[in-house]
């Protein structure tokens, strides 16, 4: 079958003929209708996660999928041939930039019934990231003050909507041209990162979701109230994360050194910092599908590319400011022209 793979780390992504998926007894075989693109795909190709995610090239990339069930393993319950599903396959079993993929049933959920396959495919990784940050780590609830950086990006557009659904007061950082857009998503306070310093404008926050790292993360710690928490998805990883991920002693030592500064700053401020690399969860995706069908969360697809242009689409991430997510459509789906609002990493 057709798929997009890379042969060695840092080598280009290219189309190739690969073997059909092997369907295990707990697997659902999915005919791919659409696949979402993420920065994680490019970071894996470049080898940036080699110590955490030990893939051996050649490797088919792709972490998000929506499609139709065309086969089920002997122990699969709750899914039948013909079901429309969506998923973020677990680490070690990625590969949605292909015509078909076998996915563990625990990672799969019935797709929202009110959106297109392209919209469904845009959701899994970013929606799970938002859920695990806000609900699991942040325990965000009514009255909490939450700052979400890069509010017009893939994670940000979903996180704003989820935080509002949870009852929070939401601030976000975007460029001025996207201010009205994120207000429509539910943002109460909008900071134009090009003309305003969010550290000067905000204080007393309960939670920050940071997708930028570096100085932005350091400043985010300083706008938290005592006892507040910042969750970073751009790093640096923490010793707790390395232990949870089963990292070897050398990796744990390296991670400890890498995150020592930010952990010390958090401790001195009386706040906490945690790193998040989201995990697959069909159960959480089913709850998210319910929010989508209820109108509480709406997918945001900024551009759709045809299957043949996967490498071009992936290389465009971070270089343009498309709102929301970039999606790959299967050949039989209608394809819209990519649109950019020329924004940077902050979105």
Protein backbone atom coordinates (compact mmCIF):
# COMPACT_ATOMS: atom_id res chain seq x y z
CA UNK A 1 0.00 0.00 0.00
CA UNK A 2 1.03 3.64 -0.38
CA UNK A 3 2.57 5.41 2.60
CA UNK A 4 4.95 8.25 3.44
CA UNK A 5 8.12 7.17 5.22
CA UNK A 6 11.65 8.27 5.96
CA UNK A 7 14.61 5.89 5.67
CA UNK A 8 17.02 7.45 8.17
CA UNK A 9 16.77 10.21 10.74
CA UNK A 10 16.99 13.66 9.10
CA UNK A 11 16.40 12.13 5.66
CA UNK A 12 13.45 13.42 3.63
CA UNK A 13 9.94 12.03 3.87
CA UNK A 14 8.95 10.25 0.65
CA UNK A 15 6.21 8.07 -0.78
CA UNK A 16 6.86 4.32 -0.72
CA UNK A 17 5.13 0.99 -1.12
CA UNK A 18 4.91 -0.69 2.29
CA UNK A 19 3.44 -3.94 3.57
CA UNK A 20 -0.20 -4.13 4.56
CA UNK A 21 -0.81 -3.72 8.32
CA UNK A 22 -0.77 -6.84 10.47
CA UNK A 23 -4.05 -6.93 12.39
CA UNK A 24 -3.69 -8.31 15.92
CA UNK A 25 -6.52 -9.79 17.95
CA UNK A 26 -7.10 -6.45 19.73
CA UNK A 27 -6.73 -4.33 16.61
CA UNK A 28 -9.10 -2.37 14.41
CA UNK A 29 -8.08 -2.05 10.75
CA UNK A 30 -8.92 1.43 9.46
CA UNK A 31 -9.14 2.68 5.89
CA UNK A 32 -7.70 6.18 6.21
CA UNK A 33 -10.01 8.98 5.08
CA UNK A 34 -7.95 11.84 6.52
CA UNK A 35 -4.85 12.32 8.68
CA UNK A 36 -3.83 15.27 10.82
CA UNK A 37 -0.29 16.68 10.77
CA UNK A 38 1.62 17.64 13.90
CA UNK A 39 4.97 19.15 14.80
CA UNK A 40 5.68 15.85 16.55
CA UNK A 41 5.91 14.15 13.15
CA UNK A 42 8.68 16.45 12.01
CA UNK A 43 10.49 16.26 15.36
CA UNK A 44 10.52 12.47 15.11
CA UNK A 45 11.91 12.63 11.55
CA UNK A 46 14.68 14.94 12.76
CA UNK A 47 15.53 12.57 15.61
CA UNK A 48 14.67 15.01 18.40
CA UNK A 49 12.79 12.33 20.39
CA UNK A 50 15.17 9.43 19.75
CA UNK A 51 15.96 8.97 23.44
CA UNK A 52 12.27 8.84 24.40
CA UNK A 53 10.57 7.32 21.35
CA UNK A 54 12.90 4.60 20.12
CA UNK A 55 11.76 4.17 16.54
CA UNK A 56 13.90 2.36 14.00
CA UNK A 57 13.62 3.76 10.47
CA UNK A 58 12.33 3.22 7.90
CA UNK A 59 9.22 4.58 9.57
CA UNK A 60 5.79 5.69 8.37
CA UNK A 61 4.81 8.92 10.13
CA UNK A 62 1.39 10.22 11.17
CA UNK A 63 -0.29 10.47 14.59
CA UNK A 64 -3.91 11.44 13.78
CA UNK A 65 -6.49 9.57 11.73
CA UNK A 66 -10.16 9.44 10.82
CA UNK A 67 -11.54 6.68 8.68
CA UNK A 68 -13.69 3.59 8.28
CA UNK A 69 -13.28 0.25 10.02
CA UNK A 70 -12.64 -2.44 7.39
CA UNK A 71 -11.50 -5.24 9.69
CA UNK A 72 -11.44 -6.24 13.36
CA UNK A 73 -9.35 -8.63 15.45
CA UNK A 74 -10.83 -11.62 17.28
CA UNK A 75 -10.97 -9.84 20.67
CA UNK A 76 -12.33 -6.50 19.46
CA UNK A 77 -15.57 -5.43 21.13
CA UNK A 78 -17.66 -2.38 20.34
CA UNK A 79 -16.45 -1.82 16.77
CA UNK A 80 -17.78 -3.30 13.56
CA UNK A 81 -16.90 -3.10 9.87
CA UNK A 82 -18.29 0.16 8.51
CA UNK A 83 -17.92 2.19 11.71
CA UNK A 84 -16.54 5.71 11.29
CA UNK A 85 -13.76 6.16 13.85
CA UNK A 86 -10.94 8.48 14.82
CA UNK A 87 -7.77 7.88 16.81
CA UNK A 88 -4.31 8.85 17.89
CA UNK A 89 -2.46 5.51 17.66
CA UNK A 90 -0.20 4.86 20.62
CA UNK A 91 3.55 5.51 20.47
CA UNK A 92 5.31 2.65 18.74
CA UNK A 93 2.34 2.08 16.40
CA UNK A 94 2.01 5.37 14.56
CA UNK A 95 1.73 5.54 10.76
CA UNK A 96 -1.42 7.35 9.64
CA UNK A 97 0.25 8.77 6.51
CA UNK A 98 -0.81 5.61 4.72
CA UNK A 99 -3.82 4.08 3.04
CA UNK A 100 -4.58 1.78 5.96
CA UNK A 101 -3.49 1.34 9.58
CA UNK A 102 -4.11 -1.23 12.34
CA UNK A 103 -4.82 0.42 15.70
CA UNK A 104 -5.31 -1.07 19.16
CA UNK A 105 -9.01 -0.85 20.03
CA UNK A 106 -8.14 0.97 23.28
CA UNK A 107 -6.86 3.92 21.22
CA UNK A 108 -9.95 4.19 18.98
CA UNK A 109 -13.26 6.00 19.40
CA UNK A 110 -16.33 6.48 17.26
CA UNK A 111 -15.82 9.73 15.37
CA UNK A 112 -18.04 12.73 16.13
CA UNK A 113 -21.12 12.45 13.95
CA UNK A 114 -21.49 16.17 13.27
CA UNK A 115 -18.14 16.86 11.54
CA UNK A 116 -16.33 15.80 8.37
CA UNK A 117 -13.54 13.20 8.31
CA UNK A 118 -11.04 16.01 7.82
CA UNK A 119 -12.32 17.80 10.90
CA UNK A 120 -12.33 14.57 12.93
CA UNK A 121 -8.75 13.83 11.86
CA UNK A 122 -7.62 17.24 13.09
CA UNK A 123 -8.62 16.47 16.66
CA UNK A 124 -6.99 13.44 18.33
CA UNK A 125 -3.49 14.58 19.30
CA UNK A 126 -4.35 18.19 20.09
CA UNK A 127 -7.61 17.38 21.85
CA UNK A 128 -5.95 14.70 23.98
CA UNK A 129 -3.15 17.14 24.79
CA UNK A 130 -5.67 19.76 25.90
CA UNK A 131 -7.67 17.22 27.90
CA UNK A 132 -4.68 15.73 29.69
CA UNK A 133 -3.24 19.17 30.45
CA UNK A 134 -6.43 20.89 31.62
CA UNK A 135 -8.45 18.03 33.11
CA UNK A 136 -5.83 15.59 34.39
CA UNK A 137 -2.86 17.77 35.32
CA UNK A 138 -4.52 21.13 35.85
CA UNK A 139 -7.83 19.98 37.35
CA UNK A 140 -9.28 23.14 35.81
CA UNK A 141 -12.77 24.03 36.98
CA UNK A 142 -15.23 26.88 37.42
CA UNK A 143 -13.64 30.18 38.41
CA UNK A 144 -10.07 29.17 37.60
CA UNK A 145 -7.92 31.60 35.67
CA UNK A 146 -6.16 29.88 32.79
CA UNK A 147 -3.58 31.17 30.30
CA UNK A 148 -3.23 29.29 27.01
CA UNK A 149 -0.36 30.32 24.80
CA UNK A 150 -0.59 30.26 20.99
CA UNK A 151 -4.37 30.35 21.06
CA UNK A 152 -4.83 30.21 17.28
CA UNK A 153 -2.69 27.09 16.88
CA UNK A 154 -3.68 23.43 16.85
CA UNK A 155 -3.59 22.83 20.60
CA UNK A 156 -4.62 26.38 21.51
CA UNK A 157 -7.86 26.45 19.53
CA UNK A 158 -9.10 23.29 21.27
CA UNK A 159 -7.70 24.17 24.71
CA UNK A 160 -9.51 27.54 24.77
CA UNK A 161 -12.83 25.85 24.03
CA UNK A 162 -12.27 23.06 26.54
CA UNK A 163 -11.20 25.46 29.29
CA UNK A 164 -14.35 27.52 28.73
CA UNK A 165 -16.46 24.36 28.85
CA UNK A 166 -14.83 23.58 32.20
CA UNK A 167 -15.88 26.99 33.51
CA UNK A 168 -12.55 28.79 33.49
CA UNK A 169 -11.71 32.40 32.73
CA UNK A 170 -9.38 32.11 29.74
CA UNK A 171 -6.55 34.36 28.59
CA UNK A 172 -4.53 33.64 25.47
CA UNK A 173 -1.64 35.03 23.44
CA UNK A 174 -1.97 35.57 19.69
CA UNK A 175 -1.09 38.18 17.09
CA UNK A 176 -3.52 41.08 16.79
CA UNK A 177 -5.02 39.79 13.56
CA UNK A 178 -6.27 36.70 15.36
CA UNK A 179 -7.75 38.52 18.36
CA UNK A 180 -11.36 38.38 17.18
CA UNK A 181 -10.94 34.77 16.10
CA UNK A 182 -9.88 33.55 19.56
CA UNK A 183 -12.58 35.65 21.22
CA UNK A 184 -15.08 33.73 19.11
CA UNK A 185 -13.57 30.53 20.47
CA UNK A 186 -14.23 31.80 24.00
CA UNK A 187 -11.12 33.71 25.13
CA UNK A 188 -11.94 36.33 27.75
CA UNK A 189 -8.57 38.11 27.71
CA UNK A 190 -6.49 38.39 24.54
CA UNK A 191 -2.83 39.44 24.60
CA UNK A 192 -1.20 40.54 21.35
CA UNK A 193 2.28 39.05 21.85
CA UNK A 194 3.72 41.45 19.27
CA UNK A 195 2.75 44.61 21.15
CA UNK A 196 2.05 43.46 24.72
CA UNK A 197 4.05 41.68 27.42
CA UNK A 198 1.75 39.09 28.95
CA UNK A 199 3.83 39.09 32.16
CA UNK A 200 2.98 42.76 32.67
CA UNK A 201 -0.69 42.28 31.84
CA UNK A 202 -1.56 39.12 33.78
CA UNK A 203 -1.22 37.91 37.36
CA UNK A 204 -2.79 35.53 39.83
CA UNK A 205 -3.40 32.69 37.38
CA UNK A 206 -4.14 29.13 38.42
CA UNK A 207 -2.84 27.37 35.34
CA UNK A 208 -0.76 27.95 32.22
CA UNK A 209 -0.54 25.71 29.16
CA UNK A 210 2.75 26.59 27.48
CA UNK A 211 3.60 25.41 23.97
CA UNK A 212 6.67 27.57 23.37
CA UNK A 213 9.18 26.84 26.15
CA UNK A 214 12.29 28.88 26.93
CA UNK A 215 11.81 32.45 28.14
CA UNK A 216 8.07 32.20 27.50
CA UNK A 217 7.82 29.37 30.02
CA UNK A 218 9.91 31.24 32.59
CA UNK A 219 7.63 34.28 32.32
CA UNK A 220 4.59 32.03 32.55
CA UNK A 221 5.72 30.79 35.97
CA UNK A 222 5.76 34.38 37.21
CA UNK A 223 2.11 35.09 36.40
CA UNK A 224 0.92 32.13 38.45
CA UNK A 225 -0.48 32.57 41.94
CA UNK A 226 1.17 30.55 44.75
CA UNK A 227 0.25 26.91 44.26
CA UNK A 228 -0.41 27.42 40.56
CA UNK A 229 0.82 25.10 37.86
CA UNK A 230 2.38 25.42 34.41
CA UNK A 231 2.30 22.49 32.00
CA UNK A 232 4.74 22.59 29.11
CA UNK A 233 4.39 20.62 25.89
CA UNK A 234 7.54 22.05 24.29
CA UNK A 235 9.83 21.08 27.15
CA UNK A 236 12.02 20.74 28.95
CA UNK A 237 11.12 17.20 30.09
CA UNK A 238 11.29 16.57 33.83
CA UNK A 239 12.71 13.68 35.88
CA UNK A 240 9.15 12.63 36.75
CA UNK A 241 8.33 12.35 33.06
CA UNK A 242 11.52 10.40 32.29
CA UNK A 243 10.72 7.94 35.08
CA UNK A 244 7.13 7.53 33.90
CA UNK A 245 8.34 6.98 30.34
CA UNK A 246 10.72 4.25 31.49
CA UNK A 247 13.86 6.15 30.55
CA UNK A 248 17.26 4.61 31.26
CA UNK A 249 19.53 6.09 33.98
CA UNK A 250 21.53 8.14 31.49
CA UNK A 251 18.38 9.67 30.04
CA UNK A 252 17.06 10.47 33.50
CA UNK A 253 20.33 12.14 34.40
CA UNK A 254 20.27 14.23 31.22
CA UNK A 255 16.65 15.24 31.74
CA UNK A 256 17.36 16.21 35.35
CA UNK A 257 20.12 18.56 34.21
CA UNK A 258 18.06 19.94 31.31
CA UNK A 259 15.11 20.91 33.49
CA UNK A 260 16.97 21.90 36.67
CA UNK A 261 16.74 25.64 36.02
CA UNK A 262 13.01 25.78 35.33
CA UNK A 263 12.19 23.44 38.23
CA UNK A 264 14.26 25.59 40.57
CA UNK A 265 12.51 28.77 39.38
CA UNK A 266 9.12 27.15 39.92
CA UNK A 267 10.06 25.98 43.42
CA UNK A 268 11.31 29.44 44.40
CA UNK A 269 8.03 30.98 43.21
CA UNK A 270 5.91 28.46 45.10
CA UNK A 271 4.43 27.02 41.88
CA UNK A 272 4.90 23.78 39.96
CA UNK A 273 6.01 22.85 36.47
CA UNK A 274 5.19 19.60 34.67
CA UNK A 275 6.06 18.36 31.20
CA UNK A 276 3.39 16.65 29.10
CA UNK A 277 3.82 14.27 26.19
CA UNK A 278 0.26 13.16 25.61
CA UNK A 279 -0.72 9.49 25.53
CA UNK A 280 -3.26 7.68 23.38
CA UNK A 281 -6.73 7.16 24.90
CA UNK A 282 -9.83 6.03 23.07
CA UNK A 283 -11.90 6.58 26.22
CA UNK A 284 -10.93 10.25 26.35
CA UNK A 285 -11.54 10.64 22.63
CA UNK A 286 -15.06 9.29 23.13
CA UNK A 287 -15.72 12.00 25.72
CA UNK A 288 -14.25 14.61 23.39
CA UNK A 289 -16.50 13.37 20.56
CA UNK A 290 -19.46 14.00 22.86
CA UNK A 291 -18.31 17.58 23.41
CA UNK A 292 -17.93 18.07 19.66
CA UNK A 293 -21.40 16.71 18.90
CA UNK A 294 -22.84 18.91 21.66
CA UNK A 295 -21.23 21.98 20.09
CA UNK A 296 -18.94 22.67 23.06
CA UNK A 297 -15.78 22.05 21.04
CA UNK A 298 -15.44 22.77 17.33
CA UNK A 299 -12.49 21.53 15.23
CA UNK A 300 -10.47 24.17 13.41
CA UNK A 301 -8.95 23.06 10.09
CA UNK A 302 -6.83 25.78 8.52
CA UNK A 303 -5.64 23.90 5.44
CA UNK A 304 -6.17 20.58 3.68
CA UNK A 305 -3.58 19.01 1.39
CA UNK A 306 -3.95 16.00 -0.93
CA UNK A 307 -2.25 12.76 0.04
CA UNK A 308 0.46 13.24 -2.58
CA UNK A 309 1.65 16.43 -0.89
CA UNK A 310 2.34 15.07 2.60
CA UNK A 311 6.05 16.12 2.60
CA UNK A 312 5.18 19.66 1.51
CA UNK A 313 2.42 19.90 4.09
CA UNK A 314 4.67 18.66 6.89
CA UNK A 315 7.48 21.05 6.00
CA UNK A 316 5.04 23.97 6.11
CA UNK A 317 4.29 23.49 9.81
CA UNK A 318 5.72 26.31 11.89
CA UNK A 319 6.61 28.35 8.81
CA UNK A 320 3.15 29.78 8.20
CA UNK A 321 0.41 30.72 10.60
CA UNK A 322 -2.48 28.60 9.56
CA UNK A 323 -5.18 28.67 12.19
CA UNK A 324 -5.82 25.34 13.85
CA UNK A 325 -4.63 22.18 12.13
CA UNK A 326 -3.31 21.07 8.76
CA UNK A 327 -4.92 17.88 7.45
CA UNK A 328 -4.18 15.37 4.70
CA UNK A 329 -7.18 14.12 2.73
CA UNK A 330 -7.46 10.72 1.07
CA UNK A 331 -7.63 10.95 -2.75
CA UNK A 332 -11.43 10.59 -2.88
CA UNK A 333 -12.08 13.54 -0.56
CA UNK A 334 -12.53 17.12 -1.67
CA UNK A 335 -9.39 19.16 -1.12
CA UNK A 336 -9.34 22.84 -0.23
CA UNK A 337 -6.45 25.13 -1.02
CA UNK A 338 -4.09 25.77 1.92
CA UNK A 339 -4.64 29.19 3.43
CA UNK A 340 -2.20 31.08 5.60
CA UNK A 341 -2.59 34.08 7.82
CA UNK A 342 1.19 34.56 7.96
CA UNK A 343 1.56 34.26 11.68
CA UNK A 344 4.52 32.83 13.60
CA UNK A 345 5.01 30.19 16.26
CA UNK A 346 2.83 32.05 18.75
CA UNK A 347 -0.28 31.79 16.49
